[in-house]
Amino acid sequence: MSVRYLQANQAQRREPTLYEDLLGDAIERAFAKGVHDLPGLVQQLNREGLSTPDGQAWTEENYSDAIAALAQ
């Protein structure tokens, strides 16, 4: 029987950038701390000091926009 499992990046067309890796790591740390809502996630990202790609503080709106763009 073959072992089947999901490759984390199998649906991507390219390798993630360093920034994308850092953002993913920060999101995982927030979830590990029990943060499971958008306002809390945005607050945690700002607390960690990881800014948006253009150097701004995270808001619920720009986070949603950034994640939607990454999903393309």
PDB file of N, CA and C in Angstrom:
ATOM      1  N   MET A   1       0.840  -1.168   0.000  1.00  0.00           N
ATOM      2  CA  MET A   1       0.000   0.000   0.000  1.00  0.00           C
ATOM      3  C   MET A   1       0.890   1.238   0.000  1.00  0.00           C
ATOM      4  N   SER A   2       0.582   2.182  -0.859  1.00  0.00           N
ATOM      5  CA  SER A   2       1.392   3.394  -0.927  1.00  0.00           C
ATOM      6  C   SER A   2       0.950   4.387   0.145  1.00  0.00           C
ATOM      7  N   VAL A   3       1.917   5.148   0.613  1.00  0.00           N
ATOM      8  CA  VAL A   3       1.641   6.176   1.608  1.00  0.00           C
ATOM      9  C   VAL A   3       1.303   7.461   0.870  1.00  0.00           C
ATOM     10  N   ARG A   4       0.196   8.073   1.236  1.00  0.00           N
ATOM     11  CA  ARG A   4      -0.216   9.321   0.595  1.00  0.00           C
ATOM     12  C   ARG A   4      -0.227  10.429   1.639  1.00  0.00           C
ATOM     13  N   TYR A   5       0.284  11.553   1.259  1.00  0.00           N
ATOM     14  CA  TYR A   5       0.272  12.703   2.152  1.00  0.00           C
ATOM     15  C   TYR A   5       0.373  13.968   1.321  1.00  0.00           C
ATOM     16  N   LEU A   6      -0.031  15.047   1.916  1.00  0.00           N
ATOM     17  CA  LEU A   6      -0.039  16.338   1.247  1.00  0.00           C
ATOM     18  C   LEU A   6       1.338  16.975   1.321  1.00  0.00           C
ATOM     19  N   GLN A   7       1.857  17.363   0.182  1.00  0.00           N
ATOM     20  CA  GLN A   7       3.058  18.184   0.146  1.00  0.00           C
ATOM     21  C   GLN A   7       2.594  19.611   0.386  1.00  0.00           C
ATOM     22  N   ALA A   8       3.164  20.280   1.347  1.00  0.00           N
ATOM     23  CA  ALA A   8       2.659  21.600   1.756  1.00  0.00           C
ATOM     24  C   ALA A   8       2.573  22.596   0.613  1.00  0.00           C
ATOM     25  N   ASN A   9       3.457  22.510  -0.354  1.00  0.00           N
ATOM     26  CA  ASN A   9       3.484  23.484  -1.444  1.00  0.00           C
ATOM     27  C   ASN A   9       3.073  22.885  -2.780  1.00  0.00           C
ATOM     28  N   GLN A  10       2.374  21.767  -2.762  1.00  0.00           N
ATOM     29  CA  GLN A  10       2.106  21.069  -4.012  1.00  0.00           C
ATOM     30  C   GLN A  10       1.201  21.845  -4.952  1.00  0.00           C
ATOM     31  N   ALA A  11       0.385  22.748  -4.449  1.00  0.00           N
ATOM     32  CA  ALA A  11      -0.523  23.499  -5.313  1.00  0.00           C
ATOM     33  C   ALA A  11       0.087  24.806  -5.810  1.00  0.00           C
ATOM     34  N   GLN A  12       1.277  25.127  -5.338  1.00  0.00           N
ATOM     35  CA  GLN A  12       1.911  26.377  -5.755  1.00  0.00           C
ATOM     36  C   GLN A  12       2.600  26.214  -7.096  1.00  0.00           C
ATOM     37  N   ARG A  13       2.654  27.309  -7.824  1.00  0.00           N
ATOM     38  CA  ARG A  13       3.323  27.300  -9.125  1.00  0.00           C
ATOM     39  C   ARG A  13       4.801  27.637  -9.013  1.00  0.00           C
ATOM     40  N   ARG A  14       5.209  28.093  -7.832  1.00  0.00           N
ATOM     41  CA  ARG A  14       6.601  28.471  -7.605  1.00  0.00           C
ATOM     42  C   ARG A  14       6.922  28.258  -6.134  1.00  0.00           C
ATOM     43  N   GLU A  15       8.182  28.307  -5.815  1.00  0.00           N
ATOM     44  CA  GLU A  15       8.597  28.216  -4.422  1.00  0.00           C
ATOM     45  C   GLU A  15       8.191  29.497  -3.693  1.00  0.00           C
ATOM     46  N   PRO A  16       7.837  29.399  -2.409  1.00  0.00           N
ATOM     47  CA  PRO A  16       7.493  30.612  -1.671  1.00  0.00           C
ATOM     48  C   PRO A  16       8.716  31.512  -1.497  1.00  0.00           C
ATOM     49  N   THR A  17       8.461  32.805  -1.438  1.00  0.00           N
ATOM     50  CA  THR A  17       9.540  33.761  -1.194  1.00  0.00           C
ATOM     51  C   THR A  17       9.919  33.718   0.282  1.00  0.00           C
ATOM     52  N   LEU A  18      11.031  34.342   0.616  1.00  0.00           N
ATOM     53  CA  LEU A  18      11.439  34.427   2.014  1.00  0.00           C
ATOM     54  C   LEU A  18      10.350  35.122   2.834  1.00  0.00           C
ATOM     55  N   TYR A  19       9.792  36.196   2.299  1.00  0.00           N
ATOM     56  CA  TYR A  19       8.729  36.911   3.012  1.00  0.00           C
ATOM     57  C   TYR A  19       7.526  35.996   3.246  1.00  0.00           C
ATOM     58  N   GLU A  20       7.129  35.244   2.247  1.00  0.00           N
ATOM     59  CA  GLU A  20       5.993  34.329   2.394  1.00  0.00           C
ATOM     60  C   GLU A  20       6.273  33.271   3.459  1.00  0.00           C
ATOM     61  N   ASP A  21       7.507  32.769   3.499  1.00  0.00           N
ATOM     62  CA  ASP A  21       7.887  31.813   4.538  1.00  0.00           C
ATOM     63  C   ASP A  21       7.797  32.448   5.924  1.00  0.00           C
ATOM     64  N   LEU A  22       8.299  33.684   6.052  1.00  0.00           N
ATOM     65  CA  LEU A  22       8.258  34.377   7.340  1.00  0.00           C
ATOM     66  C   LEU A  22       6.818  34.639   7.779  1.00  0.00           C
ATOM     67  N   LEU A  23       5.975  35.042   6.840  1.00  0.00           N
ATOM     68  CA  LEU A  23       4.569  35.279   7.152  1.00  0.00           C
ATOM     69  C   LEU A  23       3.897  33.981   7.587  1.00  0.00           C
ATOM     70  N   GLY A  24       4.137  32.908   6.870  1.00  0.00           N
ATOM     71  CA  GLY A  24       3.569  31.615   7.250  1.00  0.00           C
ATOM     72  C   GLY A  24       4.017  31.176   8.630  1.00  0.00           C
ATOM     73  N   ASP A  25       5.298  31.370   8.927  1.00  0.00           N
ATOM     74  CA  ASP A  25       5.810  31.016  10.254  1.00  0.00           C
ATOM     75  C   ASP A  25       5.128  31.844  11.341  1.00  0.00           C
ATOM     76  N   ALA A  26       4.954  33.144  11.083  1.00  0.00           N
ATOM     77  CA  ALA A  26       4.304  34.021  12.064  1.00  0.00           C
ATOM     78  C   ALA A  26       2.848  33.615  12.283  1.00  0.00           C
ATOM     79  N   ILE A  27       2.163  33.240  11.220  1.00  0.00           N
ATOM     80  CA  ILE A  27       0.769  32.789  11.343  1.00  0.00           C
ATOM     81  C   ILE A  27       0.709  31.495  12.156  1.00  0.00           C
ATOM     82  N   GLU A  28       1.626  30.572  11.894  1.00  0.00           N
ATOM     83  CA  GLU A  28       1.659  29.316  12.649  1.00  0.00           C
ATOM     84  C   GLU A  28       1.923  29.575  14.129  1.00  0.00           C
ATOM     85  N   ARG A  29       2.830  30.513  14.446  1.00  0.00           N
ATOM     86  CA  ARG A  29       3.100  30.834  15.850  1.00  0.00           C
ATOM     87  C   ARG A  29       1.856  31.417  16.522  1.00  0.00           C
ATOM     88  N   ALA A  30       1.137  32.265  15.794  1.00  0.00           N
ATOM     89  CA  ALA A  30      -0.092  32.844  16.352  1.00  0.00           C
ATOM     90  C   ALA A  30      -1.104  31.741  16.650  1.00  0.00           C
ATOM     91  N   PHE A  31      -1.303  30.820  15.713  1.00  0.00           N
ATOM     92  CA  PHE A  31      -2.238  29.713  15.941  1.00  0.00           C
ATOM     93  C   PHE A  31      -1.797  28.871  17.136  1.00  0.00           C
ATOM     94  N   ALA A  32      -0.488  28.637  17.262  1.00  0.00           N
ATOM     95  CA  ALA A  32       0.032  27.847  18.376  1.00  0.00           C
ATOM     96  C   ALA A  32      -0.223  28.530  19.716  1.00  0.00           C
ATOM     97  N   LYS A  33      -0.329  29.857  19.703  1.00  0.00           N
ATOM     98  CA  LYS A  33      -0.624  30.614  20.925  1.00  0.00           C
ATOM     99  C   LYS A  33      -2.117  30.695  21.199  1.00  0.00           C
ATOM    100  N   GLY A  34      -2.919  30.063  20.358  1.00  0.00           N
ATOM    101  CA  GLY A  34      -4.354  30.048  20.572  1.00  0.00           C
ATOM    102  C   GLY A  34      -5.118  31.156  19.875  1.00  0.00           C
ATOM    103  N   VAL A  35      -4.453  31.880  18.993  1.00  0.00           N
ATOM    104  CA  VAL A  35      -5.122  32.941  18.238  1.00  0.00           C
ATOM    105  C   VAL A  35      -5.835  32.297  17.052  1.00  0.00           C
ATOM    106  N   HIS A  36      -7.144  32.475  16.983  1.00  0.00           N
ATOM    107  CA  HIS A  36      -7.915  31.835  15.916  1.00  0.00           C
ATOM    108  C   HIS A  36      -8.918  32.766  15.262  1.00  0.00           C
ATOM    109  N   ASP A  37      -8.755  34.080  15.477  1.00  0.00           N
ATOM    110  CA  ASP A  37      -9.649  35.032  14.827  1.00  0.00           C
ATOM    111  C   ASP A  37      -8.816  36.105  14.127  1.00  0.00           C
ATOM    112  N   LEU A  38      -9.413  36.737  13.139  1.00  0.00           N
ATOM    113  CA  LEU A  38      -8.681  37.712  12.325  1.00  0.00           C
ATOM    114  C   LEU A  38      -8.169  38.897  13.138  1.00  0.00           C
ATOM    115  N   PRO A  39      -8.971  39.505  14.002  1.00  0.00           N
ATOM    116  CA  PRO A  39      -8.436  40.627  14.784  1.00  0.00           C
ATOM    117  C   PRO A  39      -7.238  40.217  15.644  1.00  0.00           C
ATOM    118  N   GLY A  40      -7.313  39.047  16.255  1.00  0.00           N
ATOM    119  CA  GLY A  40      -6.203  38.566  17.067  1.00  0.00           C
ATOM    120  C   GLY A  40      -4.972  38.258  16.237  1.00  0.00           C
ATOM    121  N   LEU A  41      -5.179  37.702  15.054  1.00  0.00           N
ATOM    122  CA  LEU A  41      -4.057  37.379  14.172  1.00  0.00           C
ATOM    123  C   LEU A  41      -3.342  38.644  13.722  1.00  0.00           C
ATOM    124  N   VAL A  42      -4.114  39.640  13.320  1.00  0.00           N
ATOM    125  CA  VAL A  42      -3.529  40.913  12.889  1.00  0.00           C
ATOM    126  C   VAL A  42      -2.744  41.544  14.043  1.00  0.00           C
ATOM    127  N   GLN A  43      -3.326  41.516  15.229  1.00  0.00           N
ATOM    128  CA  GLN A  43      -2.652  42.068  16.402  1.00  0.00           C
ATOM    129  C   GLN A  43      -1.339  41.328  16.675  1.00  0.00           C
ATOM    130  N   GLN A  44      -1.357  40.002  16.568  1.00  0.00           N
ATOM    131  CA  GLN A  44      -0.149  39.213  16.814  1.00  0.00           C
ATOM    132  C   GLN A  44       0.929  39.495  15.767  1.00  0.00           C
ATOM    133  N   LEU A  45       0.554  39.608  14.504  1.00  0.00           N
ATOM    134  CA  LEU A  45       1.540  39.921  13.465  1.00  0.00           C
ATOM    135  C   LEU A  45       2.194  41.268  13.747  1.00  0.00           C
ATOM    136  N   ASN A  46       1.404  42.249  14.132  1.00  0.00           N
ATOM    137  CA  ASN A  46       1.954  43.562  14.448  1.00  0.00           C
ATOM    138  C   ASN A  46       2.833  43.510  15.691  1.00  0.00           C
ATOM    139  N   ARG A  47       2.434  42.728  16.680  1.00  0.00           N
ATOM    140  CA  ARG A  47       3.219  42.579  17.906  1.00  0.00           C
ATOM    141  C   ARG A  47       4.588  41.976  17.596  1.00  0.00           C
ATOM    142  N   GLU A  48       4.626  41.030  16.652  1.00  0.00           N
ATOM    143  CA  GLU A  48       5.893  40.392  16.283  1.00  0.00           C
ATOM    144  C   GLU A  48       6.780  41.297  15.443  1.00  0.00           C
ATOM    145  N   GLY A  49       6.204  42.347  14.867  1.00  0.00           N
ATOM    146  CA  GLY A  49       6.998  43.280  14.072  1.00  0.00           C
ATOM    147  C   GLY A  49       7.107  42.921  12.606  1.00  0.00           C
ATOM    148  N   LEU A  50       6.342  41.941  12.153  1.00  0.00           N
ATOM    149  CA  LEU A  50       6.355  41.588  10.735  1.00  0.00           C
ATOM    150  C   LEU A  50       5.366  42.487  10.013  1.00  0.00           C
ATOM    151  N   SER A  51       5.869  43.392   9.208  1.00  0.00           N
ATOM    152  CA  SER A  51       4.996  44.334   8.506  1.00  0.00           C
ATOM    153  C   SER A  51       4.502  43.742   7.194  1.00  0.00           C
ATOM    154  N   THR A  52       3.615  44.484   6.543  1.00  0.00           N
ATOM    155  CA  THR A  52       3.117  44.089   5.226  1.00  0.00           C
ATOM    156  C   THR A  52       4.262  44.160   4.220  1.00  0.00           C
ATOM    157  N   PRO A  53       4.084  43.608   3.034  1.00  0.00           N
ATOM    158  CA  PRO A  53       5.154  43.681   2.032  1.00  0.00           C
ATOM    159  C   PRO A  53       5.597  45.115   1.711  1.00  0.00           C
ATOM    160  N   ASP A  54       4.698  46.084   1.884  1.00  0.00           N
ATOM    161  CA  ASP A  54       5.085  47.477   1.612  1.00  0.00           C
ATOM    162  C   ASP A  54       5.447  48.246   2.881  1.00  0.00           C
ATOM    163  N   GLY A  55       5.676  47.521   3.983  1.00  0.00           N
ATOM    164  CA  GLY A  55       6.198  48.133   5.197  1.00  0.00           C
ATOM    165  C   GLY A  55       5.176  48.748   6.135  1.00  0.00           C
ATOM    166  N   GLN A  56       3.906  48.459   5.935  1.00  0.00           N
ATOM    167  CA  GLN A  56       2.850  49.025   6.775  1.00  0.00           C
ATOM    168  C   GLN A  56       2.469  48.052   7.895  1.00  0.00           C
ATOM    169  N   ALA A  57       1.808  48.581   8.902  1.00  0.00           N
ATOM    170  CA  ALA A  57       1.243  47.724   9.942  1.00  0.00           C
ATOM    171  C   ALA A  57       0.069  46.953   9.346  1.00  0.00           C
ATOM    172  N   TRP A  58      -0.167  45.763   9.880  1.00  0.00           N
ATOM    173  CA  TRP A  58      -1.274  44.946   9.396  1.00  0.00           C
ATOM    174  C   TRP A  58      -2.602  45.489   9.885  1.00  0.00           C
ATOM    175  N   THR A  59      -3.605  45.418   9.024  1.00  0.00           N
ATOM    176  CA  THR A  59      -5.004  45.664   9.373  1.00  0.00           C
ATOM    177  C   THR A  59      -5.787  44.452   8.884  1.00  0.00           C
ATOM    178  N   GLU A  60      -7.013  44.324   9.322  1.00  0.00           N
ATOM    179  CA  GLU A  60      -7.830  43.214   8.832  1.00  0.00           C
ATOM    180  C   GLU A  60      -7.999  43.298   7.321  1.00  0.00           C
ATOM    181  N   GLU A  61      -8.154  44.501   6.807  1.00  0.00           N
ATOM    182  CA  GLU A  61      -8.360  44.672   5.367  1.00  0.00           C
ATOM    183  C   GLU A  61      -7.112  44.317   4.562  1.00  0.00           C
ATOM    184  N   ASN A  62      -5.939  44.871   4.951  1.00  0.00           N
ATOM    185  CA  ASN A  62      -4.765  44.578   4.127  1.00  0.00           C
ATOM    186  C   ASN A  62      -4.292  43.136   4.311  1.00  0.00           C
ATOM    187  N   TYR A  63      -4.573  42.520   5.469  1.00  0.00           N
ATOM    188  CA  TYR A  63      -4.253  41.108   5.637  1.00  0.00           C
ATOM    189  C   TYR A  63      -5.102  40.265   4.683  1.00  0.00           C
ATOM    190  N   SER A  64      -6.391  40.536   4.656  1.00  0.00           N
ATOM    191  CA  SER A  64      -7.287  39.791   3.760  1.00  0.00           C
ATOM    192  C   SER A  64      -6.880  39.961   2.307  1.00  0.00           C
ATOM    193  N   ASP A  65      -6.516  41.186   1.936  1.00  0.00           N
ATOM    194  CA  ASP A  65      -6.069  41.445   0.564  1.00  0.00           C
ATOM    195  C   ASP A  65      -4.776  40.692   0.251  1.00  0.00           C
ATOM    196  N   ALA A  66      -3.828  40.698   1.191  1.00  0.00           N
ATOM    197  CA  ALA A  66      -2.539  40.036   0.968  1.00  0.00           C
ATOM    198  C   ALA A  66      -2.714  38.527   0.832  1.00  0.00           C
ATOM    199  N   ILE A  67      -3.528  37.937   1.685  1.00  0.00           N
ATOM    200  CA  ILE A  67      -3.741  36.491   1.623  1.00  0.00           C
ATOM    201  C   ILE A  67      -4.473  36.115   0.340  1.00  0.00           C
ATOM    202  N   ALA A  68      -5.432  36.931  -0.070  1.00  0.00           N
ATOM    203  CA  ALA A  68      -6.135  36.669  -1.335  1.00  0.00           C
ATOM    204  C   ALA A  68      -5.167  36.731  -2.506  1.00  0.00           C
ATOM    205  N   ALA A  69      -4.246  37.684  -2.487  1.00  0.00           N
ATOM    206  CA  ALA A  69      -3.261  37.798  -3.567  1.00  0.00           C
ATOM    207  C   ALA A  69      -2.325  36.592  -3.574  1.00  0.00           C
ATOM    208  N   LEU A  70      -1.939  36.117  -2.401  1.00  0.00           N
ATOM    209  CA  LEU A  70      -1.061  34.949  -2.331  1.00  0.00           C
ATOM    210  C   LEU A  70      -1.760  33.688  -2.821  1.00  0.00           C
ATOM    211  N   ALA A  71      -3.061  33.654  -2.727  1.00  0.00           N
ATOM    212  CA  ALA A  71      -3.824  32.473  -3.142  1.00  0.00           C
ATOM    213  C   ALA A  71      -3.982  32.376  -4.657  1.00  0.00           C
ATOM    214  N   GLN A  72      -3.591  33.382  -5.387  1.00  0.00           N
ATOM    215  CA  GLN A  72      -3.724  33.384  -6.847  1.00  0.00           C
ATOM    216  C   GLN A  72      -2.749  32.416  -7.475  1.00  0.00           C
TER     217      GLN A  72
END
